[in-house]
Every structure is written in C-alpha cells, then in structure tokens.
C-alpha cells in the first residue's frame, strides 16, 4: 500500500479536463493556454498524455503576465 506522502503526490497531477473543471473553464481554453501561453504541462506515457502538476499550474496562474 502507498504511503500518505506518495498518495498526496499522486493527487497533485490533473488531466486537462480535471483542471478545466477545477477552475471553471472549458477544456479547449486550457488547451489554448498550453499552446499559446506556455502553460506548464508534463507528458506521461508512450502516447504523451498531458498532465498538469498543480504547484506548477498555481505558480503560472498567479503570474500577471499570463493573461
């Protein structure tokens, strides 16, 4: 069984759809930010599934020059 620390780390990663739901935007908007505004993402697996690490996203979101 995973430790509490390992489990909490897992929940810091979100899909584009999960992030969009969490912040109240459409997933297409999030994809636009990734493409045009250098939103930080990580690619996972062979297919390069996009995941978003919450601390990286929160830092990016709080920077005023991103909007």
N, C-alpha and C. Protein backbone atom coordinates (compact mmCIF):
# COMPACT_ATOMS: atom_id res chain seq x y z
N UNK A 1 0.84 -1.19 0.00
CA UNK A 1 0.00 0.00 0.00
C UNK A 1 0.89 1.25 0.00
N UNK A 2 0.46 2.27 -0.71
CA UNK A 2 1.23 3.51 -0.81
C UNK A 2 1.16 4.30 0.49
N UNK A 3 2.24 5.00 0.78
CA UNK A 3 2.26 5.84 1.97
C UNK A 3 1.40 7.09 1.73
N UNK A 4 1.10 7.80 2.80
CA UNK A 4 0.32 9.04 2.67
C UNK A 4 1.03 10.03 1.77
N UNK A 5 2.35 10.12 1.91
CA UNK A 5 3.13 11.06 1.11
C UNK A 5 3.03 10.71 -0.38
N UNK A 6 3.15 9.44 -0.71
CA UNK A 6 3.04 9.02 -2.11
C UNK A 6 1.64 9.28 -2.65
N UNK A 7 0.64 9.03 -1.84
CA UNK A 7 -0.74 9.26 -2.29
C UNK A 7 -1.00 10.74 -2.51
N UNK A 8 -0.49 11.60 -1.65
CA UNK A 8 -0.72 13.03 -1.82
C UNK A 8 -0.01 13.55 -3.05
N UNK A 9 1.14 13.00 -3.38
CA UNK A 9 1.84 13.42 -4.59
C UNK A 9 1.04 13.06 -5.83
N UNK A 10 0.41 11.91 -5.82
CA UNK A 10 -0.39 11.47 -6.97
C UNK A 10 -1.52 12.44 -7.27
N UNK A 11 -2.12 13.00 -6.27
CA UNK A 11 -3.27 13.86 -6.47
C UNK A 11 -2.91 15.28 -6.87
N UNK A 12 -1.62 15.57 -6.98
CA UNK A 12 -1.18 16.88 -7.47
C UNK A 12 -1.18 16.93 -8.99
N UNK A 13 -1.43 15.80 -9.64
CA UNK A 13 -1.44 15.74 -11.10
C UNK A 13 -2.87 15.66 -11.60
N UNK A 14 -3.18 16.46 -12.62
CA UNK A 14 -4.53 16.52 -13.15
C UNK A 14 -4.50 16.43 -14.67
N UNK A 15 -5.58 15.93 -15.23
CA UNK A 15 -5.75 15.96 -16.68
C UNK A 15 -6.24 17.35 -17.07
N UNK A 16 -6.24 17.61 -18.36
CA UNK A 16 -6.74 18.91 -18.85
C UNK A 16 -8.20 19.09 -18.43
N UNK A 17 -8.99 18.05 -18.57
CA UNK A 17 -10.41 18.14 -18.22
C UNK A 17 -10.60 18.40 -16.72
N UNK A 18 -9.80 17.74 -15.89
CA UNK A 18 -9.91 17.94 -14.44
C UNK A 18 -9.52 19.36 -14.05
N UNK A 19 -8.45 19.88 -14.64
CA UNK A 19 -8.05 21.27 -14.36
C UNK A 19 -9.15 22.23 -14.80
N UNK A 20 -9.69 22.01 -16.01
CA UNK A 20 -10.74 22.88 -16.52
C UNK A 20 -11.94 22.89 -15.57
N UNK A 21 -12.35 21.74 -15.10
CA UNK A 21 -13.47 21.66 -14.16
C UNK A 21 -13.13 22.34 -12.84
N UNK A 22 -11.91 22.17 -12.39
CA UNK A 22 -11.49 22.72 -11.09
C UNK A 22 -11.49 24.25 -11.10
N UNK A 23 -11.11 24.86 -12.24
CA UNK A 23 -11.02 26.33 -12.29
C UNK A 23 -12.19 26.97 -13.02
N UNK A 24 -13.09 26.15 -13.58
CA UNK A 24 -14.31 26.69 -14.18
C UNK A 24 -14.17 27.17 -15.62
N UNK A 25 -13.25 26.57 -16.38
CA UNK A 25 -13.09 26.90 -17.79
C UNK A 25 -13.33 25.67 -18.64
N UNK A 26 -13.53 25.88 -19.92
CA UNK A 26 -13.71 24.78 -20.87
C UNK A 26 -12.35 24.16 -21.17
N UNK A 27 -12.29 22.84 -21.36
CA UNK A 27 -11.01 22.20 -21.69
C UNK A 27 -10.32 22.80 -22.92
N UNK A 28 -11.10 23.25 -23.91
CA UNK A 28 -10.48 23.87 -25.09
C UNK A 28 -9.70 25.13 -24.72
N UNK A 29 -10.18 25.85 -23.72
CA UNK A 29 -9.46 27.03 -23.25
C UNK A 29 -8.13 26.63 -22.64
N UNK A 30 -8.13 25.56 -21.86
CA UNK A 30 -6.89 25.08 -21.25
C UNK A 30 -5.91 24.65 -22.33
N UNK A 31 -6.39 23.93 -23.35
CA UNK A 31 -5.51 23.54 -24.46
C UNK A 31 -4.94 24.78 -25.15
N UNK A 32 -5.73 25.83 -25.28
CA UNK A 32 -5.26 27.07 -25.87
C UNK A 32 -4.13 27.67 -25.02
N UNK A 33 -4.29 27.66 -23.71
CA UNK A 33 -3.25 28.19 -22.82
C UNK A 33 -1.96 27.38 -22.96
N UNK A 34 -2.11 26.06 -23.10
CA UNK A 34 -0.93 25.21 -23.26
C UNK A 34 -0.19 25.57 -24.55
N UNK A 35 -0.95 25.75 -25.61
CA UNK A 35 -0.35 26.01 -26.91
C UNK A 35 0.18 27.44 -27.04
N UNK A 36 -0.58 28.42 -26.58
CA UNK A 36 -0.27 29.82 -26.87
C UNK A 36 0.30 30.62 -25.70
N UNK A 37 0.14 30.13 -24.49
CA UNK A 37 0.57 30.92 -23.32
C UNK A 37 1.58 30.18 -22.45
N UNK A 38 2.15 29.13 -23.00
CA UNK A 38 3.20 28.37 -22.31
C UNK A 38 2.81 27.88 -20.92
N UNK A 39 1.59 27.41 -20.80
CA UNK A 39 1.16 26.82 -19.54
C UNK A 39 2.00 25.57 -19.29
N UNK A 40 2.55 25.39 -18.09
CA UNK A 40 3.42 24.23 -17.83
C UNK A 40 2.63 22.93 -17.76
N UNK A 41 3.08 21.95 -18.52
CA UNK A 41 2.47 20.62 -18.52
C UNK A 41 3.58 19.58 -18.51
N UNK A 42 3.19 18.37 -18.23
CA UNK A 42 4.10 17.23 -18.29
C UNK A 42 3.44 16.17 -19.16
N UNK A 43 4.23 15.49 -19.93
CA UNK A 43 3.71 14.43 -20.79
C UNK A 43 4.06 13.08 -20.16
N UNK A 44 3.07 12.19 -20.13
CA UNK A 44 3.22 10.92 -19.45
C UNK A 44 2.93 9.78 -20.42
N UNK A 45 3.73 8.74 -20.35
CA UNK A 45 3.47 7.53 -21.12
C UNK A 45 3.89 7.62 -22.57
N UNK A 46 3.70 6.53 -23.27
CA UNK A 46 4.07 6.44 -24.67
C UNK A 46 3.30 7.40 -25.56
N UNK A 47 2.05 7.60 -25.24
CA UNK A 47 1.20 8.44 -26.08
C UNK A 47 1.35 9.92 -25.74
N UNK A 48 2.13 10.24 -24.73
CA UNK A 48 2.37 11.63 -24.37
C UNK A 48 1.16 12.32 -23.78
N UNK A 49 0.38 11.57 -22.98
CA UNK A 49 -0.81 12.14 -22.33
C UNK A 49 -0.40 13.37 -21.51
N UNK A 50 -1.12 14.44 -21.68
CA UNK A 50 -0.82 15.68 -20.98
C UNK A 50 -1.34 15.60 -19.55
N UNK A 51 -0.45 15.89 -18.60
CA UNK A 51 -0.85 16.03 -17.21
C UNK A 51 -0.35 17.38 -16.71
N UNK A 52 -1.05 17.89 -15.74
CA UNK A 52 -0.72 19.20 -15.19
C UNK A 52 -0.43 19.03 -13.71
N UNK A 53 0.76 19.45 -13.32
CA UNK A 53 1.19 19.37 -11.93
C UNK A 53 0.67 20.62 -11.23
N UNK A 54 -0.17 20.44 -10.22
CA UNK A 54 -0.87 21.56 -9.59
C UNK A 54 0.05 22.68 -9.10
N UNK A 55 1.14 22.40 -8.40
CA UNK A 55 2.01 23.51 -7.96
C UNK A 55 2.56 24.33 -9.12
N UNK A 56 2.93 23.67 -10.23
CA UNK A 56 3.40 24.41 -11.42
C UNK A 56 2.28 25.27 -11.99
N UNK A 57 1.09 24.69 -12.07
CA UNK A 57 -0.05 25.43 -12.61
C UNK A 57 -0.38 26.63 -11.73
N UNK A 58 -0.40 26.43 -10.41
CA UNK A 58 -0.75 27.51 -9.49
C UNK A 58 0.24 28.68 -9.61
N UNK A 59 1.51 28.35 -9.76
CA UNK A 59 2.51 29.40 -9.94
C UNK A 59 2.27 30.15 -11.25
N UNK A 60 2.05 29.40 -12.33
CA UNK A 60 1.78 30.00 -13.64
C UNK A 60 0.53 30.88 -13.58
N UNK A 61 -0.52 30.37 -12.95
CA UNK A 61 -1.81 31.07 -12.85
C UNK A 61 -1.67 32.39 -12.12
N UNK A 62 -0.80 32.43 -11.11
CA UNK A 62 -0.67 33.63 -10.28
C UNK A 62 0.20 34.72 -10.93
N UNK A 63 0.92 34.39 -11.98
CA UNK A 63 1.77 35.38 -12.66
C UNK A 63 0.91 36.28 -13.54
N UNK A 64 0.95 37.58 -13.32
CA UNK A 64 0.05 38.50 -14.04
C UNK A 64 0.32 38.60 -15.55
N UNK A 65 1.51 38.27 -16.01
CA UNK A 65 1.79 38.42 -17.45
C UNK A 65 1.24 37.27 -18.29
N UNK A 66 0.57 36.30 -17.68
CA UNK A 66 -0.01 35.19 -18.44
C UNK A 66 -1.38 35.52 -19.00
N UNK A 67 -1.96 36.64 -18.58
CA UNK A 67 -3.31 36.98 -19.07
C UNK A 67 -3.39 38.36 -19.55
